[in-house]
Protein backbone atom coordinates (compact mmCIF):
# COMPACT_ATOMS: atom_id res chain seq x y z
CA MET A 1 -0.25 -0.18 -0.16
CA THR A 2 1.50 3.34 -0.73
CA GLU A 3 0.11 6.82 0.28
CA ARG A 4 -1.87 8.96 -2.26
CA ALA A 5 -0.05 12.20 -3.29
CA TYR A 6 -1.47 14.10 -0.47
CA ASP A 7 -0.98 18.11 -1.01
CA LYS A 8 0.66 19.86 1.71
CA ASN A 9 2.96 23.02 1.31
CA THR A 10 6.29 21.82 1.77
CA VAL A 11 9.32 23.54 0.24
CA TRP A 12 9.96 20.59 -2.03
CA THR A 13 6.41 20.84 -3.41
CA HIS A 14 6.76 22.81 -6.62
CA ALA A 15 9.57 20.42 -8.25
CA VAL A 16 9.04 19.03 -11.57
CA LEU A 17 8.36 15.33 -11.20
CA PRO A 18 8.90 12.83 -14.36
CA PRO A 19 5.19 11.57 -15.59
CA MET A 20 4.03 7.99 -14.67
CA ALA A 21 1.66 6.21 -16.41
CA PRO A 22 -1.60 4.48 -14.72
CA LEU A 23 -1.08 0.92 -14.34
CA ALA A 24 -3.40 -0.66 -16.89
CA THR A 25 -1.97 -4.06 -17.95
CA ASP A 26 -0.23 -7.24 -16.10
CA PRO A 27 3.45 -6.63 -16.26
CA THR A 28 6.14 -9.38 -15.33
CA ALA A 29 9.09 -8.46 -13.65
CA ASP A 30 12.17 -9.74 -11.65
CA VAL A 31 11.62 -7.50 -8.77
CA CYS A 32 8.34 -5.32 -8.01
CA VAL A 33 9.06 -2.53 -6.01
CA VAL A 34 6.36 -0.81 -4.25
CA GLY A 35 6.44 2.79 -3.13
CA ALA A 36 7.96 5.59 -5.17
CA GLY A 37 10.13 7.11 -2.15
CA ILE A 38 13.75 7.46 -1.39
CA ALA A 39 13.87 3.60 -0.28
CA GLY A 40 11.79 2.24 -3.25
CA LEU A 41 13.56 4.32 -6.03
CA THR A 42 17.08 4.01 -4.70
CA THR A 43 16.47 -0.01 -4.60
CA ALA A 44 14.94 0.17 -8.22
CA TYR A 45 17.84 2.33 -9.62
CA LEU A 46 20.64 -0.01 -8.07
CA LEU A 47 18.81 -3.22 -9.82
CA THR A 48 18.13 -1.69 -13.09
CA ARG A 49 21.59 -0.70 -13.15
CA ALA A 50 22.64 -4.25 -12.51
CA GLY A 51 20.19 -5.04 -15.32
CA ARG A 52 17.21 -6.40 -13.47
CA ARG A 53 13.72 -6.11 -14.79
CA VAL A 54 11.90 -3.42 -12.32
CA VAL A 55 8.54 -2.17 -12.32
CA VAL A 56 7.64 0.29 -9.41
CA LEU A 57 4.31 0.94 -8.38
CA ASP A 58 2.99 3.88 -6.43
CA ASN A 59 -0.58 5.15 -6.13
CA GLY A 60 0.63 8.94 -6.60
CA ALA A 61 3.62 10.45 -8.12
CA ALA A 62 7.67 9.86 -7.40
CA GLY A 63 8.33 11.64 -3.54
CA GLY A 64 3.97 11.78 -2.94
CA GLY A 65 4.57 10.01 0.18
CA GLU A 66 6.71 10.53 3.30
CA SER A 67 9.35 10.77 1.62
CA GLY A 68 8.13 14.37 -0.21
CA PHE A 69 7.37 15.18 3.40
CA THR A 70 11.18 14.99 5.06
CA THR A 71 13.41 17.98 5.67
CA ALA A 72 16.02 15.84 3.98
CA HIS A 73 19.29 15.87 6.88
CA ILE A 74 21.64 13.53 5.09
CA THR A 75 23.29 12.50 8.08
CA HIS A 76 25.09 9.88 10.33
CA ALA A 77 24.34 11.93 13.52
CA LEU A 78 21.30 9.41 14.10
CA ASP A 79 18.37 11.00 16.01
CA ARG A 80 18.35 8.25 18.59
CA ARG A 81 22.05 9.56 19.19
CA TRP A 82 24.82 7.11 19.39
CA ALA A 83 24.93 7.34 23.14
CA SER A 84 21.38 6.04 23.64
CA LEU A 85 22.31 3.28 21.02
CA THR A 86 24.88 2.29 22.62
CA LYS A 87 22.75 0.66 25.33
CA LEU A 88 20.81 -0.86 22.70
CA HIS A 89 23.12 -2.78 20.45
CA SER A 90 26.76 -4.43 20.35
CA ALA A 91 30.18 -2.25 19.49
CA VAL A 92 30.20 -4.81 16.64
CA HIS A 93 26.70 -3.32 15.21
CA LEU A 94 27.37 0.17 15.92
CA ARG A 95 30.23 0.28 13.95
CA ARG A 96 28.82 -1.31 11.37
CA ALA A 97 25.66 0.85 11.65
CA ALA A 98 27.70 4.19 11.74
CA ARG A 99 29.88 2.79 8.57
CA ALA A 100 26.47 2.16 6.97
CA HIS A 101 25.00 5.89 7.34
CA THR A 102 28.17 6.82 6.10
CA ALA A 103 28.29 5.00 2.90
CA ALA A 104 24.54 6.31 2.30
CA ILE A 105 25.82 9.74 2.39
CA ASP A 106 28.56 8.94 -0.29
CA THR A 107 26.02 7.02 -2.25
CA ILE A 108 23.78 9.80 -2.69
CA GLU A 109 26.84 12.17 -3.23
CA ARG A 110 28.09 9.46 -6.07
CA ILE A 111 24.54 8.92 -7.84
CA VAL A 112 24.14 13.08 -7.56
CA LYS A 113 27.20 13.28 -9.63
CA GLU A 114 27.51 10.20 -12.37
CA GLU A 115 23.75 10.84 -13.19
CA GLU A 116 23.97 15.07 -12.94
CA ILE A 117 20.94 15.38 -10.87
CA ASP A 118 20.38 18.86 -10.13
CA CYS A 119 19.31 19.11 -6.40
CA ASP A 120 21.13 21.55 -4.80
CA PHE A 121 23.43 18.71 -3.02
CA ARG A 122 25.99 20.35 -0.68
CA ARG A 123 28.27 18.72 2.02
CA VAL A 124 27.80 20.75 5.26
CA HIS A 125 28.70 20.16 8.91
CA GLY A 126 26.30 19.53 11.39
CA TYR A 127 26.03 20.19 14.85
CA LEU A 128 24.57 19.10 18.14
CA PHE A 129 24.05 21.68 20.82
CA THR A 130 22.23 21.48 24.23
CA ALA A 131 18.71 22.85 24.75
CA PRO A 132 18.12 25.24 28.11
CA GLY A 133 18.36 22.97 30.93
CA SER A 134 20.22 19.85 29.34
CA PRO A 135 23.44 18.75 31.07
CA SER A 136 26.62 19.22 29.18
CA ILE A 137 27.59 15.76 30.07
CA THR A 138 25.00 14.83 27.22
CA LEU A 139 27.62 16.13 24.33
CA ARG A 140 30.62 14.60 25.91
CA ASP A 141 28.47 11.43 25.88
CA GLU A 142 27.49 11.50 22.50
CA ILE A 143 31.28 12.13 21.13
CA GLU A 144 32.47 9.12 23.27
CA ALA A 145 30.19 6.98 21.60
CA ALA A 146 30.40 8.29 18.15
CA HIS A 147 34.00 7.79 18.53
CA ARG A 148 33.26 3.84 19.61
CA ALA A 149 31.15 3.58 16.45
CA GLY A 150 34.06 4.60 14.36
CA LEU A 151 33.33 8.29 13.65
CA GLY A 152 36.42 9.48 14.92
CA SER A 153 36.13 12.79 13.07
CA VAL A 154 33.29 13.93 15.48
CA HIS A 155 34.34 16.39 17.67
CA TYR A 156 33.60 19.29 20.46
CA VAL A 157 33.28 22.78 19.50
CA ASP A 158 32.76 26.14 21.82
CA ARG A 159 29.48 26.80 19.82
CA ALA A 160 27.92 26.10 16.65
CA PRO A 161 28.86 28.52 13.82
CA LEU A 162 25.21 30.35 14.16
CA LEU A 163 25.19 34.56 14.30
CA ASP A 164 22.11 35.35 15.92
CA PHE A 165 22.51 33.45 19.18
CA ASP A 166 24.95 31.54 20.80
CA THR A 167 24.20 27.73 21.24
CA GLY A 168 27.00 26.90 23.69
CA PRO A 169 29.21 24.37 23.32
CA ALA A 170 28.48 21.60 20.52
CA VAL A 171 29.13 18.45 18.99
CA CYS A 172 30.23 18.82 15.54
CA PHE A 173 29.47 15.95 12.73
CA PRO A 174 32.10 16.88 9.96
CA ASP A 175 30.98 16.31 6.04
CA GLN A 176 27.29 15.69 6.42
CA ALA A 177 25.09 16.57 3.51
CA GLN A 178 21.70 18.18 2.24
CA PHE A 179 19.76 18.54 -1.20
CA HIS A 180 16.34 19.06 -2.53
CA ILE A 181 14.59 15.58 -1.97
CA ARG A 182 11.86 15.81 -4.72
CA ARG A 183 14.48 16.57 -7.55
CA TYR A 184 16.64 14.01 -6.23
CA LEU A 185 13.87 11.48 -6.67
CA ALA A 186 12.97 12.63 -10.10
CA GLY A 187 16.25 12.22 -11.15
CA LEU A 188 16.53 8.65 -9.54
CA ALA A 189 13.00 7.76 -11.63
CA ARG A 190 14.44 9.40 -14.99
CA ALA A 191 17.73 6.91 -14.70
CA ILE A 192 15.29 4.17 -13.43
CA GLU A 193 13.30 4.41 -16.87
CA ARG A 194 16.43 5.09 -19.03
CA ASP A 195 18.03 1.44 -17.85
CA GLY A 196 14.49 -0.26 -18.80
CA GLY A 197 12.59 -0.13 -15.45
CA LYS A 198 8.87 0.81 -15.31
CA LEU A 199 7.17 3.17 -12.91
CA TYR A 200 3.49 3.26 -12.88
CA THR A 201 1.14 5.01 -10.53
CA LEU A 202 -2.76 4.70 -9.52
CA ALA A 203 -1.74 1.39 -8.10
CA HIS A 204 -2.69 1.00 -4.82
CA VAL A 205 -1.37 -2.09 -3.62
CA THR A 206 -3.67 -4.53 -1.35
CA ASP A 207 -2.14 -7.93 -1.27
CA ILE A 208 1.29 -9.97 -2.08
CA ASP A 209 0.62 -13.33 -2.69
CA GLU A 210 3.97 -15.60 -2.43
CA ASP A 211 2.10 -19.06 -2.89
CA ALA A 212 -0.16 -18.63 -6.19
CA VAL A 213 2.63 -18.85 -8.69
CA PRO A 214 5.71 -21.42 -8.06
CA HIS A 215 9.12 -19.49 -7.38
CA GLN A 216 7.28 -15.89 -8.02
CA VAL A 217 5.19 -13.44 -6.13
CA VAL A 218 2.08 -11.75 -7.47
CA VAL A 219 1.58 -8.36 -6.34
CA LYS A 220 -2.30 -7.50 -6.06
CA THR A 221 -3.96 -3.90 -6.77
CA ALA A 222 -7.00 -2.30 -6.03
CA ARG A 223 -7.90 -2.03 -9.27
CA GLY A 224 -7.32 -5.77 -10.67
CA HIS A 225 -4.22 -5.58 -12.26
CA GLN A 226 -1.15 -7.64 -11.15
CA VAL A 227 2.55 -7.97 -11.03
CA VAL A 228 3.95 -11.40 -11.45
CA ALA A 229 7.59 -11.00 -10.18
CA SER A 230 10.50 -12.87 -8.58
CA GLU A 231 10.42 -11.01 -5.52
CA ALA A 232 8.56 -7.71 -4.12
CA VAL A 233 9.78 -5.01 -2.11
CA LEU A 234 7.75 -3.38 0.20
CA ALA A 235 8.98 -0.01 0.37
CA THR A 236 6.06 2.13 1.86
CA ASN A 237 7.10 3.65 5.09
CA SER A 238 5.04 1.22 6.83
CA PRO A 239 4.38 -1.83 5.46
CA PHE A 240 1.32 -4.04 5.70
CA ILE A 241 3.51 -7.05 5.74
CA PRO A 242 4.16 -8.90 8.08
CA ARG A 243 0.79 -7.91 9.46
CA ILE A 244 1.36 -7.58 13.21
CA ARG A 245 5.28 -8.47 13.98
CA VAL A 246 6.67 -5.42 12.87
CA HIS A 247 4.19 -3.31 14.01
CA MET A 248 4.64 -4.28 17.35
CA LYS A 249 8.10 -3.44 17.30
CA GLN A 250 7.60 0.33 16.15
CA ALA A 251 5.38 3.34 16.36
CA GLY A 252 4.55 6.16 14.18
CA TYR A 253 5.03 9.91 15.19
CA ARG A 254 4.17 12.74 13.51
CA THR A 255 6.62 15.83 13.42
CA TYR A 256 6.01 19.02 12.35
CA VAL A 257 8.00 22.05 10.22
CA ILE A 258 8.01 25.36 9.07
CA GLY A 259 9.41 27.38 6.83
CA LEU A 260 10.72 30.94 7.18
CA ARG A 261 11.85 33.58 4.51
CA MET A 262 15.74 34.25 5.71
CA PRO A 263 18.05 36.38 3.70
CA ARG A 264 20.89 34.59 2.14
CA GLY A 265 24.09 34.51 4.47
CA ALA A 266 22.18 35.44 8.00
CA VAL A 267 22.33 31.93 8.41
CA PRO A 268 25.59 29.79 8.02
CA PRO A 269 24.89 26.66 6.16
CA GLY A 270 25.02 23.44 8.10
CA LEU A 271 22.29 20.99 9.62
CA TYR A 272 21.21 21.97 13.41
CA TRP A 273 20.22 19.89 16.22
CA ASP A 274 19.40 20.76 19.82
CA THR A 275 18.75 18.21 22.93
CA ALA A 276 15.48 19.09 23.75
CA ASP A 277 12.37 16.58 24.14
CA PRO A 278 11.36 16.46 21.38
CA PHE A 279 14.42 17.99 19.60
CA HIS A 280 14.23 20.80 17.12
CA TYR A 281 15.90 20.41 13.93
CA VAL A 282 17.46 23.29 11.40
CA ARG A 283 18.44 23.66 7.84
CA LEU A 284 18.23 26.03 4.90
CA ALA A 285 16.94 25.67 1.30
CA ASN A 286 17.00 27.83 -1.72
CA VAL A 287 13.71 29.75 -2.11
CA ASP A 288 14.26 31.77 -5.47
CA GLY A 289 17.17 29.57 -6.93
CA ALA A 290 20.59 29.55 -5.62
CA ASP A 291 21.34 33.03 -6.68
CA GLY A 292 18.04 34.44 -5.12
CA PRO A 293 18.47 37.39 -2.31
CA ASP A 294 16.53 35.02 0.22
CA GLU A 295 16.74 31.52 1.45
CA VAL A 296 14.14 29.37 3.67
CA LEU A 297 14.97 28.42 7.05
CA ILE A 298 13.60 24.84 7.70
CA VAL A 299 12.72 24.39 11.43
CA GLY A 300 11.41 20.86 12.87
CA GLY A 301 10.31 19.47 15.76
CA GLU A 302 6.85 19.04 18.16
CA ASP A 303 6.62 15.32 17.64
CA HIS A 304 3.68 13.27 18.94
CA LYS A 305 2.57 9.60 18.53
CA THR A 306 0.15 9.69 15.32
CA GLY A 307 -3.51 10.24 15.99
CA GLN A 308 -2.63 11.32 19.62
CA ALA A 309 -2.74 15.00 19.51
CA SER A 310 -5.00 17.37 17.30
CA ASP A 311 -3.26 20.62 17.85
CA ALA A 312 -1.07 21.30 14.89
CA ASP A 313 -1.63 25.10 15.13
CA ARG A 314 0.08 25.13 18.63
CA ARG A 315 2.68 22.81 17.42
CA HIS A 316 3.37 25.23 14.56
CA ALA A 317 3.06 28.16 16.62
CA ARG A 318 5.47 26.77 18.93
CA LEU A 319 8.12 26.31 16.57
CA GLU A 320 7.96 29.45 15.06
CA ALA A 321 8.10 31.48 18.31
CA TRP A 322 11.15 28.93 18.87
CA ALA A 323 12.63 29.93 15.63
CA ARG A 324 12.31 34.07 15.89
CA GLU A 325 13.79 33.76 19.25
CA ARG A 326 16.86 32.50 18.05
CA PHE A 327 16.46 33.81 14.31
CA THR A 328 16.05 37.68 14.50
CA GLN A 329 16.31 38.15 10.68
CA ALA A 330 13.65 35.69 10.09
CA GLY A 331 10.65 36.67 8.13
CA GLU A 332 7.37 35.59 6.75
CA VAL A 333 6.27 31.78 7.37
CA LEU A 334 6.17 30.75 3.93
CA HIS A 335 5.52 26.86 4.65
CA ARG A 336 3.93 24.85 7.17
CA TRP A 337 3.69 21.07 7.12
CA SER A 338 3.94 17.85 8.84
CA GLY A 339 5.25 14.40 8.14
CA GLU A 340 5.51 10.72 9.25
CA VAL A 341 8.49 9.05 11.31
CA MET A 342 8.44 5.54 12.19
CA GLU A 343 10.60 4.64 15.60
CA THR A 344 11.79 1.40 16.17
CA VAL A 345 12.03 0.17 19.68
CA ASP A 346 16.19 -0.33 18.68
CA GLY A 347 16.54 2.96 16.82
CA LEU A 348 17.86 1.48 13.63
CA ALA A 349 15.43 0.61 10.59
CA TYR A 350 14.09 -2.95 9.28
CA ILE A 351 15.45 -3.68 5.88
CA GLY A 352 15.58 -7.19 4.42
CA ARG A 353 13.29 -10.21 4.02
CA VAL A 354 10.34 -10.60 6.20
CA LYS A 355 11.38 -14.09 7.28
CA SER A 356 14.11 -16.68 6.04
CA GLY A 357 13.49 -17.80 2.38
CA SER A 358 10.76 -15.08 1.72
CA ARG A 359 10.59 -13.23 -1.53
CA ILE A 360 9.12 -10.07 0.01
CA LEU A 361 11.62 -7.72 1.44
CA ILE A 362 11.02 -4.73 3.45
CA ALA A 363 12.26 -1.34 4.27
CA THR A 364 10.94 0.48 7.07
CA GLY A 365 11.16 2.08 10.68
CA ASP A 366 13.34 5.33 9.31
CA CYS A 367 13.58 6.75 12.77
CA GLY A 368 13.60 10.24 11.42
CA ASN A 369 17.02 9.33 9.37
CA GLY A 370 14.85 8.20 6.19
CA MET A 371 17.23 9.73 3.86
CA THR A 372 20.34 7.74 4.99
CA HIS A 373 18.00 4.68 5.86
CA GLY A 374 16.30 4.89 2.79
CA THR A 375 19.66 4.45 0.97
CA ILE A 376 21.00 1.85 3.01
CA ALA A 377 17.67 -0.09 2.25
CA GLY A 378 18.69 0.13 -1.27
CA LEU A 379 22.10 -1.07 -1.13
CA VAL A 380 21.26 -3.63 1.40
CA ILE A 381 17.85 -5.03 -0.58
CA SER A 382 20.04 -4.97 -3.89
CA ASP A 383 22.76 -6.89 -2.66
CA LEU A 384 20.13 -9.57 -1.08
CA VAL A 385 18.49 -9.66 -3.99
CA GLN A 386 21.13 -10.62 -6.42
CA GLY A 387 22.37 -13.17 -4.06
CA ARG A 388 25.18 -11.25 -2.61
CA ASP A 389 26.28 -10.98 0.95
CA ASN A 390 25.86 -7.68 2.76
CA PRO A 391 27.99 -6.80 5.82
CA VAL A 392 25.37 -4.66 7.51
CA ALA A 393 22.23 -7.07 6.36
CA SER A 394 22.10 -8.76 9.92
CA VAL A 395 22.25 -5.02 11.69
CA PHE A 396 19.01 -4.19 9.97
CA ASP A 397 17.36 -7.48 9.94
CA PRO A 398 13.32 -7.31 9.89
CA ALA A 399 13.46 -10.45 12.12
CA ARG A 400 16.31 -9.46 14.49
CA VAL A 401 15.50 -9.92 18.35
CA ASN A 402 16.83 -7.30 20.72
CA LEU A 403 16.80 -8.45 24.16
CA SER A 404 18.99 -5.28 25.43
CA LEU A 405 17.41 -3.90 28.49
CA GLY A 406 16.59 -0.61 26.67
CA ALA A 407 14.68 -2.04 23.74
CA VAL A 408 12.66 -4.46 25.52
CA SER A 409 11.84 -1.19 27.80
CA GLU A 410 10.66 0.59 24.91
CA TYR A 411 8.82 -2.49 23.34
CA VAL A 412 6.91 -2.70 26.62
CA LYS A 413 6.36 0.83 26.80
CA GLU A 414 5.16 1.52 22.80
CA ASN A 415 2.75 -1.74 23.39
CA LEU A 416 1.16 -0.47 26.62
CA ASN A 417 0.29 2.73 25.07
CA VAL A 418 -1.36 0.81 22.15
CA ALA A 419 -3.36 -1.05 24.49
CA CYS A 420 -4.56 2.24 26.09
CA GLN A 421 -5.95 3.22 22.74
CA TYR A 422 -8.22 0.12 22.33
CA ALA A 423 -9.30 0.79 25.79
CA SER A 424 -10.35 4.38 24.39
CA TRP A 425 -13.15 2.00 22.53
CA LEU A 426 -15.12 2.30 25.86
CA GLY A 427 -14.96 6.13 26.11
CA LYS A 428 -17.23 8.62 24.77
CA GLY A 429 -16.94 10.32 21.45
CA ASP A 430 -15.37 13.51 20.57
CA VAL A 431 -18.85 15.27 20.64
CA GLY A 432 -22.15 14.12 21.37
CA ASP A 433 -24.02 14.66 18.28
CA ALA A 434 -22.93 15.22 14.55
CA SER A 435 -25.17 18.45 14.33
CA GLN A 436 -21.83 20.20 16.39
CA LEU A 437 -19.69 19.61 13.71
CA ALA A 438 -18.77 22.72 11.54
CA PRO A 439 -18.28 22.45 7.56
CA GLY A 440 -14.57 21.21 6.95
CA SER A 441 -14.33 18.96 10.02
CA GLY A 442 -14.84 15.67 11.74
CA ALA A 443 -14.86 13.89 14.91
CA VAL A 444 -15.43 10.28 16.59
CA VAL A 445 -19.50 10.29 17.29
CA ARG A 446 -20.42 7.34 19.49
CA ARG A 447 -23.84 5.42 18.30
CA GLY A 448 -24.79 2.75 20.93
CA LEU A 449 -22.00 0.22 21.23
CA LYS A 450 -20.23 1.57 17.93
CA LYS A 451 -18.26 4.52 17.49
CA LEU A 452 -18.32 6.54 14.08
CA ALA A 453 -15.66 8.52 12.41
CA VAL A 454 -17.82 11.38 10.46
CA TYR A 455 -16.77 14.26 8.74
CA ARG A 456 -19.13 17.09 7.62
CA ASP A 457 -17.53 18.40 3.89
CA PRO A 458 -17.53 22.04 3.22
CA GLN A 459 -21.34 21.64 1.64
CA GLY A 460 -22.45 20.30 4.95
CA GLN A 461 -23.21 17.14 3.89
CA LEU A 462 -22.23 14.20 6.71
CA HIS A 463 -19.97 11.13 5.58
CA ALA A 464 -20.21 8.44 8.22
CA MET A 465 -17.77 5.82 8.34
CA SER A 466 -16.71 3.11 11.33
CA ALA A 467 -14.29 4.61 13.51
CA MET A 468 -12.16 1.27 13.27
CA CYS A 469 -9.05 1.17 11.66
CA SER A 470 -8.93 -1.52 8.84
CA HIS A 471 -5.72 -2.74 10.12
CA LEU A 472 -5.86 -4.39 13.71
CA GLY A 473 -9.05 -2.20 14.74
CA GLY A 474 -7.75 0.60 16.77
CA ILE A 475 -9.66 3.67 16.71
CA VAL A 476 -8.77 6.74 14.52
CA SER A 477 -8.83 9.94 15.64
CA TRP A 478 -9.50 13.18 13.35
CA ASN A 479 -6.67 15.47 12.39
CA PRO A 480 -7.82 19.01 11.38
CA ALA A 481 -4.67 19.95 9.88
CA GLU A 482 -4.08 17.28 7.29
CA LYS A 483 -7.95 16.74 7.21
CA SER A 484 -7.41 12.99 7.80
CA TRP A 485 -8.26 10.16 10.28
CA ASP A 486 -5.25 8.84 11.98
CA CYS A 487 -5.04 5.51 13.59
CA ARG A 488 -4.07 5.62 17.15
CA CYS A 489 -2.49 2.33 17.44
CA HIS A 490 -0.14 1.79 14.50
CA GLY A 491 -0.27 4.93 12.77
CA ALA A 492 -2.45 3.92 9.48
CA ARG A 493 -4.28 7.31 8.02
CA TYR A 494 -7.52 7.62 5.64
CA ASP A 495 -8.61 10.87 3.99
CA ALA A 496 -11.62 12.79 5.43
CA VAL A 497 -14.11 10.14 3.67
CA GLY A 498 -12.33 6.94 5.00
CA ARG A 499 -10.28 6.26 1.91
CA VAL A 500 -6.51 4.81 2.99
CA ILE A 501 -3.69 7.30 2.38
CA ARG A 502 -1.05 5.67 4.46
CA GLY A 503 -0.09 1.97 5.94
CA PRO A 504 -0.28 -0.12 7.40
CA ALA A 505 -3.93 -0.51 6.38
CA THR A 506 -4.80 -1.40 2.69
CA ALA A 507 -8.74 -1.18 3.03
CA ASP A 508 -10.95 1.98 3.43
CA LEU A 509 -12.81 2.65 6.85
CA ALA A 510 -16.18 0.65 6.73
CA PRO A 511 -18.98 2.96 5.54
CA ALA A 512 -21.85 3.30 8.54
CA ALA A 513 -25.59 4.22 7.79
CA PRO A 514 -26.25 8.11 7.56
CA ILE A 515 -25.94 9.99 11.02
CA GLU A 516 -29.30 10.81 10.74
CA ALA A 517 -30.73 7.72 10.43
CA PRO A 518 -32.07 5.81 13.66
CA ALA A 519 -29.41 3.36 15.01
CA GLY A 520 -29.37 0.35 13.06
CA ALA A 521 -31.13 1.52 10.06
CA GLY A 522 -29.42 1.07 6.67
CA GLU A 523 -26.41 -0.61 8.27
CA PRO A 524 -24.18 -2.60 5.72
CA ALA A 525 -25.41 -6.11 5.67
CA THR A 526 -21.74 -7.28 6.35
CA PRO A 527 -20.94 -5.43 9.70
CA PRO A 528 -17.24 -4.52 9.80
CA ARG A 529 -14.95 -7.16 11.13
CA ALA A 530 -13.95 -7.03 14.59
CA PRO A 531 -10.56 -5.90 16.28
CA GLU A 532 -7.90 -8.48 15.99
CA VAL A 533 -6.50 -7.38 18.96
CA VAL A 534 -8.48 -7.36 21.98
CA ALA A 535 -9.34 -4.20 23.51
CA VAL A 536 -7.24 -4.40 26.97
CA PRO A 537 -8.16 -1.58 29.41
CA VAL A 538 -4.92 0.11 30.98
CA THR A 539 -4.61 2.68 33.23
CA ALA A 540 -1.95 4.79 35.04
CA VAL A 541 0.23 4.17 31.76
CA SER A 542 2.28 7.05 30.61
CA VAL A 543 1.26 8.19 27.03
CA PRO A 544 4.39 9.24 25.07
CA GLN A 545 3.40 12.13 23.14
CA SER A 546 7.53 12.33 21.82
CA ARG A 547 9.86 10.05 19.93
CA PRO A 548 12.05 8.10 22.24
CA ALA A 549 14.40 10.16 24.35
CA THR A 550 17.74 10.72 23.03
């Protein structure tokens, strides 16, 4: 399942993307890649370069899913922080992970040069500095941990090179990078087609069957077309296979971003992060071309678990206040958007075969480092498909079991939080009656023993759906900023009238009888299926509202 093109006002929105034809036939391929984001297109690019026949399917355009809503920090300064990762992984795995992320930066640079992709790629230094109230020992720990991971160039500086405010001591990560994500993906797409690959849109994938054809997989779409291939890659941010196992080991978080006009030269180029929880992240991008008088200052943060907050306007406002306090030359806000981050329990992505011997491979769990994790996915999966050993495959193996205290603690915390969300089936609706809904708004409304997701469109018509997520029966919440229904359990998302726009769900919200009708009138002949996970009332459990502490 891939996310529909979902137009939010990002700094990348106006990039020209190559056209993709709708899937109207039943092609065959060596590899079918589902998802035209950075993981899917990098995988397809490397495989077509190796001579494989590749078909890429997406329901929208290249970069129309979560890759298009990134801030495109290309870095081995991982969001979970190396000091935290040392408690979750062995020294050997940490060194391999560090090498993998460093190789990903180098790979992106090489592809940009070889393919002559005009995407504003540039090498910059990254700086991690302490937020007010954070102990400076955090920085010393991070430097020591980075050195243990083999990142010997990481070093202490007295301050980050920002002009408007003194960050105080900082950790410098030399030779990181940034680019324009959609221009980069457009370049990958053109190269894939040049080398014989095929890219199709309007291809909402609903199932992958490993048993229908010997030694093949059948990738099925909602419109009845299919692709028969030797192997399939699910690169959809949050895959629908495996249905349960991987989603017990990761959780979705919304993260918020603004872009402010900034006079060129007022902020030195670089990637900047603080140690707040949730932390802030900052970079620059061009607004009127590389020679224009202004740039865009991109500022992100204010994360929360998907579906568990509905105050995007306040979060964007807090980001603006934070930025204006520190960057005094900031001008008007040009962009506001949000994106999805999949956080795994141990801070590294899940990349590889869903199980030993399977012909289905996945890439998920970006952990806020989607540019490098997505590129690592392409490198690892292309090797696995070609039967080659890859030295970091075991580090990112989706079937890995991490029994470290930190990973187990994170696993328990996230799954208790999910249990709390199932318990919300027992509570009241958001409003007492649908008549309270203003045009263009939605809310969960209780009808007897059921809860309905009800949306009033701008013309005043009510649309009623079951509030039960079609993935595993969690309850959805209305997201007023995105005009979407977001599952509070595993992060699936639906548009205002219940059509699925993001996995792990593959089916729409089940329709319900018109909200004005008496209870029970006009109900579907086959009621929505019951939740596959038992609702467990859990009380006195802390609900995480930011990503795992760094």
